[in-house]
Amino acid sequence: MRTLFGGLLLAIGVLIAGASGLCSLTVLFSAGSTSPQMWGSGLIMVAIFGGIPFAIGVGLIYAGRALIREDQNDGA
C-alpha cells in the first residue's frame, strides 16, 4: 500500500513541478522580459509565483521516493 501511495505522490509531484517549471520558463523568456532591465523583476516574479509550487512538487517527489524505498526495505 505504501508503494501505491508513494507512486501517486511521485506522479503528482512530477506533474506539479513540471508544469510549474515550464510555466516559469515561459514567463521568464517571454517577449516582454528580454530587456536587461526586466530580468531582475522577472526573476523575482518567477521565484515568488513559480518557485513555491515547484518546491512543493519537488517535496512530493522526495516523499514518494522515500515511501517507495521504505516499503522495499521492509519487504526484503
N, C-alpha and C. Protein backbone atom coordinates (compact mmCIF):
# COMPACT_ATOMS: atom_id res chain seq x y z
N MET A 1 0.82 -1.19 0.00
CA MET A 1 0.00 0.00 0.00
C MET A 1 0.87 1.27 0.00
N ARG A 2 2.00 1.18 0.72
CA ARG A 2 2.90 2.34 0.74
C ARG A 2 3.50 2.59 -0.64
N THR A 3 3.74 1.52 -1.40
CA THR A 3 4.29 1.68 -2.74
C THR A 3 3.29 2.40 -3.65
N LEU A 4 2.03 2.04 -3.54
CA LEU A 4 0.99 2.71 -4.33
C LEU A 4 0.89 4.18 -3.97
N PHE A 5 0.83 4.49 -2.67
CA PHE A 5 0.74 5.88 -2.24
C PHE A 5 2.00 6.65 -2.60
N GLY A 6 3.15 6.02 -2.49
CA GLY A 6 4.40 6.66 -2.90
C GLY A 6 4.43 6.94 -4.39
N GLY A 7 3.92 6.01 -5.18
CA GLY A 7 3.85 6.24 -6.63
C GLY A 7 2.91 7.37 -6.98
N LEU A 8 1.79 7.46 -6.28
CA LEU A 8 0.86 8.56 -6.51
C LEU A 8 1.49 9.90 -6.15
N LEU A 9 2.18 9.95 -5.01
CA LEU A 9 2.87 11.19 -4.63
C LEU A 9 3.93 11.56 -5.65
N LEU A 10 4.65 10.56 -6.12
CA LEU A 10 5.70 10.79 -7.11
C LEU A 10 5.11 11.36 -8.41
N ALA A 11 4.02 10.77 -8.87
CA ALA A 11 3.40 11.23 -10.12
C ALA A 11 2.83 12.64 -9.98
N ILE A 12 2.16 12.91 -8.87
CA ILE A 12 1.60 14.24 -8.65
C ILE A 12 2.71 15.27 -8.53
N GLY A 13 3.79 14.91 -7.85
CA GLY A 13 4.92 15.83 -7.71
C GLY A 13 5.57 16.15 -9.03
N VAL A 14 5.72 15.14 -9.90
CA VAL A 14 6.31 15.37 -11.22
C VAL A 14 5.41 16.28 -12.05
N LEU A 15 4.11 16.08 -11.98
CA LEU A 15 3.19 16.94 -12.73
C LEU A 15 3.22 18.38 -12.23
N ILE A 16 3.22 18.56 -10.92
CA ILE A 16 3.23 19.92 -10.37
C ILE A 16 4.55 20.61 -10.69
N ALA A 17 5.67 19.94 -10.42
CA ALA A 17 6.98 20.56 -10.66
C ALA A 17 7.20 20.81 -12.15
N GLY A 18 6.78 19.88 -12.99
CA GLY A 18 6.96 20.05 -14.43
C GLY A 18 6.14 21.20 -14.99
N ALA A 19 4.88 21.26 -14.60
CA ALA A 19 4.02 22.34 -15.09
C ALA A 19 4.49 23.69 -14.57
N SER A 20 4.86 23.74 -13.30
CA SER A 20 5.34 24.99 -12.72
C SER A 20 6.65 25.43 -13.36
N GLY A 21 7.55 24.49 -13.60
CA GLY A 21 8.82 24.83 -14.22
C GLY A 21 8.67 25.32 -15.64
N LEU A 22 7.81 24.66 -16.41
CA LEU A 22 7.59 25.10 -17.79
C LEU A 22 6.91 26.46 -17.84
N CYS A 23 5.97 26.68 -16.97
CA CYS A 23 5.29 27.97 -16.92
C CYS A 23 6.27 29.07 -16.49
N SER A 24 7.12 28.78 -15.53
CA SER A 24 8.10 29.76 -15.08
C SER A 24 9.08 30.11 -16.19
N LEU A 25 9.53 29.11 -16.93
CA LEU A 25 10.43 29.38 -18.05
C LEU A 25 9.74 30.20 -19.14
N THR A 26 8.47 29.93 -19.38
CA THR A 26 7.73 30.70 -20.37
C THR A 26 7.61 32.16 -19.97
N VAL A 27 7.31 32.40 -18.71
CA VAL A 27 7.19 33.78 -18.23
C VAL A 27 8.55 34.47 -18.25
N LEU A 28 9.59 33.75 -17.87
CA LEU A 28 10.92 34.34 -17.80
C LEU A 28 11.45 34.72 -19.18
N PHE A 29 11.19 33.88 -20.17
CA PHE A 29 11.72 34.13 -21.51
C PHE A 29 10.68 34.66 -22.48
N SER A 30 9.62 35.26 -21.96
CA SER A 30 8.60 35.82 -22.85
C SER A 30 9.14 37.06 -23.55
N ALA A 31 8.44 37.52 -24.54
CA ALA A 31 8.92 38.63 -25.38
C ALA A 31 9.08 39.92 -24.59
N GLY A 32 8.28 40.15 -23.57
CA GLY A 32 8.35 41.39 -22.82
C GLY A 32 9.50 41.45 -21.84
N SER A 33 10.10 40.31 -21.50
CA SER A 33 11.14 40.31 -20.47
C SER A 33 12.53 40.06 -21.05
N THR A 34 12.74 40.39 -22.32
CA THR A 34 14.06 40.16 -22.90
C THR A 34 15.02 41.32 -22.66
N SER A 35 14.51 42.46 -22.24
CA SER A 35 15.41 43.59 -21.97
C SER A 35 16.12 43.37 -20.63
N PRO A 36 17.34 43.85 -20.51
CA PRO A 36 18.10 43.63 -19.26
C PRO A 36 17.45 44.25 -18.03
N GLN A 37 16.68 45.32 -18.20
CA GLN A 37 16.03 45.95 -17.06
C GLN A 37 14.93 45.07 -16.48
N MET A 38 14.34 44.23 -17.29
CA MET A 38 13.24 43.39 -16.83
C MET A 38 13.70 42.09 -16.18
N TRP A 39 14.97 41.73 -16.31
CA TRP A 39 15.43 40.46 -15.76
C TRP A 39 15.31 40.40 -14.24
N GLY A 40 15.64 41.50 -13.56
CA GLY A 40 15.55 41.49 -12.11
C GLY A 40 14.13 41.28 -11.62
N SER A 41 13.20 42.04 -12.13
CA SER A 41 11.81 41.89 -11.71
C SER A 41 11.23 40.57 -12.21
N GLY A 42 11.67 40.12 -13.38
CA GLY A 42 11.19 38.84 -13.89
C GLY A 42 11.64 37.67 -13.03
N LEU A 43 12.88 37.71 -12.59
CA LEU A 43 13.38 36.63 -11.72
C LEU A 43 12.66 36.63 -10.38
N ILE A 44 12.40 37.81 -9.84
CA ILE A 44 11.69 37.88 -8.56
C ILE A 44 10.27 37.35 -8.71
N MET A 45 9.60 37.72 -9.80
CA MET A 45 8.24 37.27 -10.04
C MET A 45 8.20 35.75 -10.22
N VAL A 46 9.15 35.22 -10.97
CA VAL A 46 9.19 33.77 -11.18
C VAL A 46 9.50 33.05 -9.88
N ALA A 47 10.40 33.60 -9.07
CA ALA A 47 10.75 32.97 -7.80
C ALA A 47 9.56 32.94 -6.84
N ILE A 48 8.77 34.01 -6.84
CA ILE A 48 7.64 34.07 -5.91
C ILE A 48 6.49 33.19 -6.39
N PHE A 49 6.08 33.38 -7.64
CA PHE A 49 4.88 32.68 -8.12
C PHE A 49 5.16 31.29 -8.67
N GLY A 50 6.36 31.05 -9.15
CA GLY A 50 6.67 29.74 -9.70
C GLY A 50 7.50 28.88 -8.78
N GLY A 51 8.24 29.50 -7.89
CA GLY A 51 9.14 28.75 -7.02
C GLY A 51 8.43 27.96 -5.94
N ILE A 52 7.35 28.51 -5.42
CA ILE A 52 6.63 27.83 -4.35
C ILE A 52 5.97 26.54 -4.84
N PRO A 53 5.21 26.55 -5.94
CA PRO A 53 4.66 25.28 -6.43
C PRO A 53 5.75 24.30 -6.88
N PHE A 54 6.84 24.82 -7.43
CA PHE A 54 7.94 23.95 -7.84
C PHE A 54 8.54 23.25 -6.61
N ALA A 55 8.73 23.99 -5.53
CA ALA A 55 9.27 23.40 -4.31
C ALA A 55 8.31 22.36 -3.72
N ILE A 56 7.02 22.64 -3.78
CA ILE A 56 6.04 21.67 -3.30
C ILE A 56 6.09 20.40 -4.13
N GLY A 57 6.19 20.54 -5.45
CA GLY A 57 6.29 19.38 -6.34
C GLY A 57 7.53 18.56 -6.07
N VAL A 58 8.67 19.22 -5.88
CA VAL A 58 9.92 18.50 -5.57
C VAL A 58 9.80 17.80 -4.22
N GLY A 59 9.15 18.45 -3.26
CA GLY A 59 8.94 17.81 -1.96
C GLY A 59 8.08 16.57 -2.07
N LEU A 60 7.05 16.61 -2.90
CA LEU A 60 6.21 15.43 -3.11
C LEU A 60 6.99 14.31 -3.80
N ILE A 61 7.87 14.68 -4.71
CA ILE A 61 8.71 13.68 -5.38
C ILE A 61 9.58 12.96 -4.36
N TYR A 62 10.25 13.72 -3.50
CA TYR A 62 11.11 13.10 -2.49
C TYR A 62 10.32 12.29 -1.47
N ALA A 63 9.13 12.76 -1.10
CA ALA A 63 8.29 12.00 -0.16
C ALA A 63 7.84 10.68 -0.79
N GLY A 64 7.45 10.72 -2.05
CA GLY A 64 7.05 9.49 -2.74
C GLY A 64 8.19 8.51 -2.88
N ARG A 65 9.38 9.01 -3.23
CA ARG A 65 10.56 8.13 -3.33
C ARG A 65 10.89 7.51 -1.99
N ALA A 66 10.76 8.29 -0.91
CA ALA A 66 11.06 7.76 0.42
C ALA A 66 10.08 6.66 0.80
N LEU A 67 8.80 6.85 0.49
CA LEU A 67 7.81 5.81 0.80
C LEU A 67 8.06 4.54 0.00
N ILE A 68 8.40 4.69 -1.26
CA ILE A 68 8.67 3.50 -2.08
C ILE A 68 9.90 2.76 -1.57
N ARG A 69 10.96 3.48 -1.26
CA ARG A 69 12.18 2.83 -0.76
C ARG A 69 11.96 2.20 0.61
N GLU A 70 11.17 2.85 1.45
CA GLU A 70 10.88 2.30 2.78
C GLU A 70 10.11 0.99 2.65
N ASP A 71 9.15 0.95 1.75
CA ASP A 71 8.36 -0.28 1.56
C ASP A 71 9.21 -1.39 0.97
N GLN A 72 10.13 -1.05 0.08
CA GLN A 72 11.02 -2.07 -0.49
C GLN A 72 11.97 -2.62 0.56
N ASN A 73 12.44 -1.79 1.46
CA ASN A 73 13.35 -2.26 2.51
C ASN A 73 12.64 -3.09 3.55
N ASP A 74 11.35 -2.79 3.83
CA ASP A 74 10.59 -3.59 4.80
C ASP A 74 10.22 -4.96 4.26
N GLY A 75 10.05 -5.06 2.96
CA GLY A 75 9.66 -6.33 2.35
C GLY A 75 10.81 -7.28 2.16
N ALA A 76 12.05 -6.81 2.25
CA ALA A 76 13.22 -7.67 1.98
C ALA A 76 13.59 -8.54 3.14
